[in-house]
PDB file of N, CA and C in Angstrom:
ATOM      1  N   MET A   1     155.028  11.682   6.191  1.00  0.00           N
ATOM      2  CA  MET A   1     155.242  13.045   6.624  1.00  0.00           C
ATOM      3  C   MET A   1     154.022  13.865   6.228  1.00  0.00           C
ATOM      4  N   ALA A   2     153.477  14.589   7.165  1.00  0.00           N
ATOM      5  CA  ALA A   2     152.334  15.460   6.910  1.00  0.00           C
ATOM      6  C   ALA A   2     152.822  16.780   6.325  1.00  0.00           C
ATOM      7  N   VAL A   3     152.057  17.317   5.403  1.00  0.00           N
ATOM      8  CA  VAL A   3     152.401  18.612   4.824  1.00  0.00           C
ATOM      9  C   VAL A   3     151.793  19.700   5.685  1.00  0.00           C
ATOM     10  N   ASN A   4     152.629  20.632   6.095  1.00  0.00           N
ATOM     11  CA  ASN A   4     152.205  21.746   6.931  1.00  0.00           C
ATOM     12  C   ASN A   4     151.985  22.948   6.025  1.00  0.00           C
ATOM     13  N   THR A   5     150.790  23.519   6.013  1.00  0.00           N
ATOM     14  CA  THR A   5     150.494  24.636   5.118  1.00  0.00           C
ATOM     15  C   THR A   5     150.986  25.966   5.654  1.00  0.00           C
ATOM     16  N   THR A   6     151.350  26.026   6.919  1.00  0.00           N
ATOM     17  CA  THR A   6     151.938  27.236   7.497  1.00  0.00           C
ATOM     18  C   THR A   6     153.220  26.851   8.201  1.00  0.00           C
ATOM     19  N   THR A   7     154.132  27.782   8.273  1.00  0.00           N
ATOM     20  CA  THR A   7     155.375  27.493   8.968  1.00  0.00           C
ATOM     21  C   THR A   7     155.263  27.924  10.414  1.00  0.00           C
ATOM     22  N   ASN A   8     155.883  27.151  11.291  1.00  0.00           N
ATOM     23  CA  ASN A   8     155.898  27.456  12.716  1.00  0.00           C
ATOM     24  C   ASN A   8     157.346  27.593  13.145  1.00  0.00           C
ATOM     25  N   TRP A   9     157.795  28.828  13.251  1.00  0.00           N
ATOM     26  CA  TRP A   9     159.181  29.089  13.625  1.00  0.00           C
ATOM     27  C   TRP A   9     159.319  29.254  15.135  1.00  0.00           C
ATOM     28  N   ASN A  10     158.292  28.984  15.906  1.00  0.00           N
ATOM     29  CA  ASN A  10     158.338  29.150  17.351  1.00  0.00           C
ATOM     30  C   ASN A  10     158.806  27.903  18.085  1.00  0.00           C
ATOM     31  N   ASP A  11     158.736  26.763  17.460  1.00  0.00           N
ATOM     32  CA  ASP A  11     159.134  25.501  18.090  1.00  0.00           C
ATOM     33  C   ASP A  11     160.410  25.008  17.414  1.00  0.00           C
ATOM     34  N   LEU A  12     161.532  25.200  18.065  1.00  0.00           N
ATOM     35  CA  LEU A  12     162.817  24.860  17.459  1.00  0.00           C
ATOM     36  C   LEU A  12     163.094  23.370  17.400  1.00  0.00           C
ATOM     37  N   THR A  13     162.235  22.557  18.006  1.00  0.00           N
ATOM     38  CA  THR A  13     162.453  21.110  17.989  1.00  0.00           C
ATOM     39  C   THR A  13     161.639  20.412  16.909  1.00  0.00           C
ATOM     40  N   SER A  14     160.920  21.186  16.089  1.00  0.00           N
ATOM     41  CA  SER A  14     160.183  20.578  14.988  1.00  0.00           C
ATOM     42  C   SER A  14     160.400  21.382  13.711  1.00  0.00           C
ATOM     43  N   CYS A  15     160.309  20.705  12.592  1.00  0.00           N
ATOM     44  CA  CYS A  15     160.496  21.341  11.288  1.00  0.00           C
ATOM     45  C   CYS A  15     159.360  22.324  11.042  1.00  0.00           C
ATOM     46  N   PRO A  16     159.675  23.561  10.686  1.00  0.00           N
ATOM     47  CA  PRO A  16     158.617  24.537  10.444  1.00  0.00           C
ATOM     48  C   PRO A  16     157.831  24.263   9.167  1.00  0.00           C
ATOM     49  N   PHE A  17     158.313  23.378   8.323  1.00  0.00           N
ATOM     50  CA  PHE A  17     157.645  23.099   7.057  1.00  0.00           C
ATOM     51  C   PHE A  17     156.737  21.876   7.110  1.00  0.00           C
ATOM     52  N   CYS A  18     157.132  20.853   7.891  1.00  0.00           N
ATOM     53  CA  CYS A  18     156.300  19.642   7.934  1.00  0.00           C
ATOM     54  C   CYS A  18     155.855  19.277   9.347  1.00  0.00           C
ATOM     55  N   GLY A  19     156.514  19.835  10.355  1.00  0.00           N
ATOM     56  CA  GLY A  19     156.149  19.545  11.732  1.00  0.00           C
ATOM     57  C   GLY A  19     156.850  18.348  12.334  1.00  0.00           C
ATOM     58  N   ASP A  20     157.669  17.632  11.554  1.00  0.00           N
ATOM     59  CA  ASP A  20     158.398  16.480  12.098  1.00  0.00           C
ATOM     60  C   ASP A  20     159.361  16.922  13.192  1.00  0.00           C
ATOM     61  N   GLU A  21     159.571  16.053  14.170  1.00  0.00           N
ATOM     62  CA  GLU A  21     160.505  16.337  15.261  1.00  0.00           C
ATOM     63  C   GLU A  21     161.937  16.306  14.725  1.00  0.00           C
ATOM     64  N   LEU A  22     162.749  17.267  15.178  1.00  0.00           N
ATOM     65  CA  LEU A  22     164.145  17.357  14.767  1.00  0.00           C
ATOM     66  C   LEU A  22     165.048  16.781  15.849  1.00  0.00           C
ATOM     67  N   ALA A  23     166.179  16.230  15.453  1.00  0.00           N
ATOM     68  CA  ALA A  23     167.152  15.710  16.419  1.00  0.00           C
ATOM     69  C   ALA A  23     167.753  16.850  17.239  1.00  0.00           C
ATOM     70  N   SER A  24     167.901  18.004  16.619  1.00  0.00           N
ATOM     71  CA  SER A  24     168.401  19.199  17.299  1.00  0.00           C
ATOM     72  C   SER A  24     167.964  20.412  16.476  1.00  0.00           C
ATOM     73  N   PRO A  25     167.899  21.593  17.094  1.00  0.00           N
ATOM     74  CA  PRO A  25     167.440  22.777  16.362  1.00  0.00           C
ATOM     75  C   PRO A  25     168.378  23.233  15.246  1.00  0.00           C
ATOM     76  N   GLY A  26     169.670  23.048  15.380  1.00  0.00           N
ATOM     77  CA  GLY A  26     170.613  23.530  14.373  1.00  0.00           C
ATOM     78  C   GLY A  26     170.944  22.472  13.343  1.00  0.00           C
ATOM     79  N   ALA A  27     171.912  21.626  13.696  1.00  0.00           N
ATOM     80  CA  ALA A  27     172.363  20.583  12.778  1.00  0.00           C
ATOM     81  C   ALA A  27     171.236  19.612  12.429  1.00  0.00           C
ATOM     82  N   GLY A  28     170.340  19.367  13.374  1.00  0.00           N
ATOM     83  CA  GLY A  28     169.212  18.476  13.101  1.00  0.00           C
ATOM     84  C   GLY A  28     168.297  19.016  12.017  1.00  0.00           C
ATOM     85  N   PHE A  29     168.128  20.338  11.981  1.00  0.00           N
ATOM     86  CA  PHE A  29     167.312  20.952  10.932  1.00  0.00           C
ATOM     87  C   PHE A  29     167.990  20.794   9.575  1.00  0.00           C
ATOM     88  N   ILE A  30     169.304  21.037   9.523  1.00  0.00           N
ATOM     89  CA  ILE A  30     170.037  20.895   8.263  1.00  0.00           C
ATOM     90  C   ILE A  30     169.998  19.449   7.787  1.00  0.00           C
ATOM     91  N   ASP A  31     170.210  18.497   8.690  1.00  0.00           N
ATOM     92  CA  ASP A  31     170.118  17.080   8.326  1.00  0.00           C
ATOM     93  C   ASP A  31     168.732  16.752   7.795  1.00  0.00           C
ATOM     94  N   HIS A  32     167.703  17.308   8.434  1.00  0.00           N
ATOM     95  CA  HIS A  32     166.324  17.035   8.028  1.00  0.00           C
ATOM     96  C   HIS A  32     166.046  17.562   6.622  1.00  0.00           C
ATOM     97  N   ILE A  33     166.419  18.809   6.338  1.00  0.00           N
ATOM     98  CA  ILE A  33     166.122  19.323   4.992  1.00  0.00           C
ATOM     99  C   ILE A  33     166.981  18.645   3.931  1.00  0.00           C
ATOM    100  N   ASP A  34     168.159  18.139   4.325  1.00  0.00           N
ATOM    101  CA  ASP A  34     168.977  17.375   3.382  1.00  0.00           C
ATOM    102  C   ASP A  34     168.325  16.049   3.016  1.00  0.00           C
ATOM    103  N   SER A  35     167.513  15.505   3.917  1.00  0.00           N
ATOM    104  CA  SER A  35     166.890  14.209   3.657  1.00  0.00           C
ATOM    105  C   SER A  35     165.418  14.321   3.242  1.00  0.00           C
ATOM    106  N   SER A  36     164.874  15.521   3.233  1.00  0.00           N
ATOM    107  CA  SER A  36     163.470  15.719   2.858  1.00  0.00           C
ATOM    108  C   SER A  36     163.374  16.747   1.739  1.00  0.00           C
ATOM    109  N   ALA A  37     163.107  16.272   0.533  1.00  0.00           N
ATOM    110  CA  ALA A  37     163.047  17.171  -0.628  1.00  0.00           C
ATOM    111  C   ALA A  37     161.965  18.240  -0.468  1.00  0.00           C
ATOM    112  N   ASN A  38     160.808  17.869   0.095  1.00  0.00           N
ATOM    113  CA  ASN A  38     159.731  18.855   0.261  1.00  0.00           C
ATOM    114  C   ASN A  38     160.139  19.967   1.225  1.00  0.00           C
ATOM    115  N   CYS A  39     160.779  19.597   2.320  1.00  0.00           N
ATOM    116  CA  CYS A  39     161.200  20.604   3.296  1.00  0.00           C
ATOM    117  C   CYS A  39     162.358  21.438   2.750  1.00  0.00           C
ATOM    118  N   GLU A  40     163.247  20.809   1.997  1.00  0.00           N
ATOM    119  CA  GLU A  40     164.345  21.559   1.382  1.00  0.00           C
ATOM    120  C   GLU A  40     163.789  22.581   0.390  1.00  0.00           C
ATOM    121  N   ASP A  41     162.802  22.178  -0.400  1.00  0.00           N
ATOM    122  CA  ASP A  41     162.159  23.116  -1.324  1.00  0.00           C
ATOM    123  C   ASP A  41     161.491  24.262  -0.566  1.00  0.00           C
ATOM    124  N   GLY A  42     160.807  23.935   0.520  1.00  0.00           N
ATOM    125  CA  GLY A  42     160.164  24.962   1.337  1.00  0.00           C
ATOM    126  C   GLY A  42     161.175  25.925   1.923  1.00  0.00           C
ATOM    127  N   PHE A  43     162.302  25.399   2.396  1.00  0.00           N
ATOM    128  CA  PHE A  43     163.356  26.239   2.963  1.00  0.00           C
ATOM    129  C   PHE A  43     163.953  27.143   1.891  1.00  0.00           C
ATOM    130  N   GLU A  44     164.238  26.601   0.718  1.00  0.00           N
ATOM    131  CA  GLU A  44     164.812  27.405  -0.364  1.00  0.00           C
ATOM    132  C   GLU A  44     163.841  28.500  -0.813  1.00  0.00           C
ATOM    133  N   GLN A  45     162.560  28.189  -0.862  1.00  0.00           N
ATOM    134  CA  GLN A  45     161.563  29.200  -1.215  1.00  0.00           C
ATOM    135  C   GLN A  45     161.499  30.283  -0.140  1.00  0.00           C
ATOM    136  N   TRP A  46     161.492  29.874   1.131  1.00  0.00           N
ATOM    137  CA  TRP A  46     161.484  30.840   2.234  1.00  0.00           C
ATOM    138  C   TRP A  46     162.723  31.714   2.167  1.00  0.00           C
ATOM    139  N   ARG A  47     163.868  31.091   1.934  1.00  0.00           N
ATOM    140  CA  ARG A  47     165.131  31.835   1.872  1.00  0.00           C
ATOM    141  C   ARG A  47     165.123  32.841   0.718  1.00  0.00           C
ATOM    142  N   ALA A  48     164.621  32.442  -0.425  1.00  0.00           N
ATOM    143  CA  ALA A  48     164.529  33.353  -1.576  1.00  0.00           C
ATOM    144  C   ALA A  48     163.587  34.516  -1.274  1.00  0.00           C
ATOM    145  N   ASN A  49     162.509  34.239  -0.562  1.00  0.00           N
ATOM    146  CA  ASN A  49     161.536  35.290  -0.239  1.00  0.00           C
ATOM    147  C   ASN A  49     162.104  36.343   0.696  1.00  0.00           C
ATOM    148  N   ILE A  50     162.981  35.944   1.606  1.00  0.00           N
ATOM    149  CA  ILE A  50     163.499  36.927   2.562  1.00  0.00           C
ATOM    150  C   ILE A  50     164.857  37.493   2.169  1.00  0.00           C
ATOM    151  N   ALA A  51     165.489  36.946   1.134  1.00  0.00           N
ATOM    152  CA  ALA A  51     166.831  37.372   0.742  1.00  0.00           C
ATOM    153  C   ALA A  51     166.893  38.876   0.482  1.00  0.00           C
ATOM    154  N   GLY A  52     165.858  39.449  -0.103  1.00  0.00           N
ATOM    155  CA  GLY A  52     165.839  40.888  -0.381  1.00  0.00           C
ATOM    156  C   GLY A  52     165.683  41.729   0.870  1.00  0.00           C
ATOM    157  N   ASP A  53     165.255  41.113   1.966  1.00  0.00           N
ATOM    158  CA  ASP A  53     165.081  41.837   3.216  1.00  0.00           C
ATOM    159  C   ASP A  53     166.379  41.960   4.006  1.00  0.00           C
ATOM    160  N   LEU A  54     167.389  41.200   3.601  1.00  0.00           N
ATOM    161  CA  LEU A  54     168.664  41.191   4.306  1.00  0.00           C
ATOM    162  C   LEU A  54     169.685  42.023   3.545  1.00  0.00           C
ATOM    163  N   ALA A  55     170.604  42.603   4.252  1.00  0.00           N
ATOM    164  CA  ALA A  55     171.687  43.379   3.623  1.00  0.00           C
ATOM    165  C   ALA A  55     172.764  42.414   3.163  1.00  0.00           C
ATOM    166  N   GLY A  56     172.549  41.790   2.061  1.00  0.00           N
ATOM    167  CA  GLY A  56     173.482  40.795   1.539  1.00  0.00           C
ATOM    168  C   GLY A  56     173.080  39.399   1.940  1.00  0.00           C
ATOM    169  N   GLU A  57     173.500  38.433   1.162  1.00  0.00           N
ATOM    170  CA  GLU A  57     173.175  37.024   1.420  1.00  0.00           C
ATOM    171  C   GLU A  57     174.086  36.477   2.504  1.00  0.00           C
ATOM    172  N   TRP A  58     173.565  35.562   3.315  1.00  0.00           N
ATOM    173  CA  TRP A  58     174.395  34.910   4.317  1.00  0.00           C
ATOM    174  C   TRP A  58     174.993  33.647   3.717  1.00  0.00           C
ATOM    175  N   SER A  59     176.066  33.177   4.304  1.00  0.00           N
ATOM    176  CA  SER A  59     176.672  31.937   3.823  1.00  0.00           C
ATOM    177  C   SER A  59     175.913  30.754   4.394  1.00  0.00           C
ATOM    178  N   GLY A  60     176.014  29.646   3.734  1.00  0.00           N
ATOM    179  CA  GLY A  60     175.395  28.442   4.276  1.00  0.00           C
ATOM    180  C   GLY A  60     174.549  27.705   3.316  1.00  0.00           C
TER     181      GLY A  60
END
């Protein structure tokens, strides 16, 4: 897996953290971050960074 230094949220069929192809944009992304520690860490960091921008935390 290649490390992506920038996130690409414009292509829903690939992981914005590593660029790997996803099985699907929704559940496929969740399955991918569950199986990739680096992408899960990237997602958690991204989520923590934007949490203050949202009016309350979302579930999930």
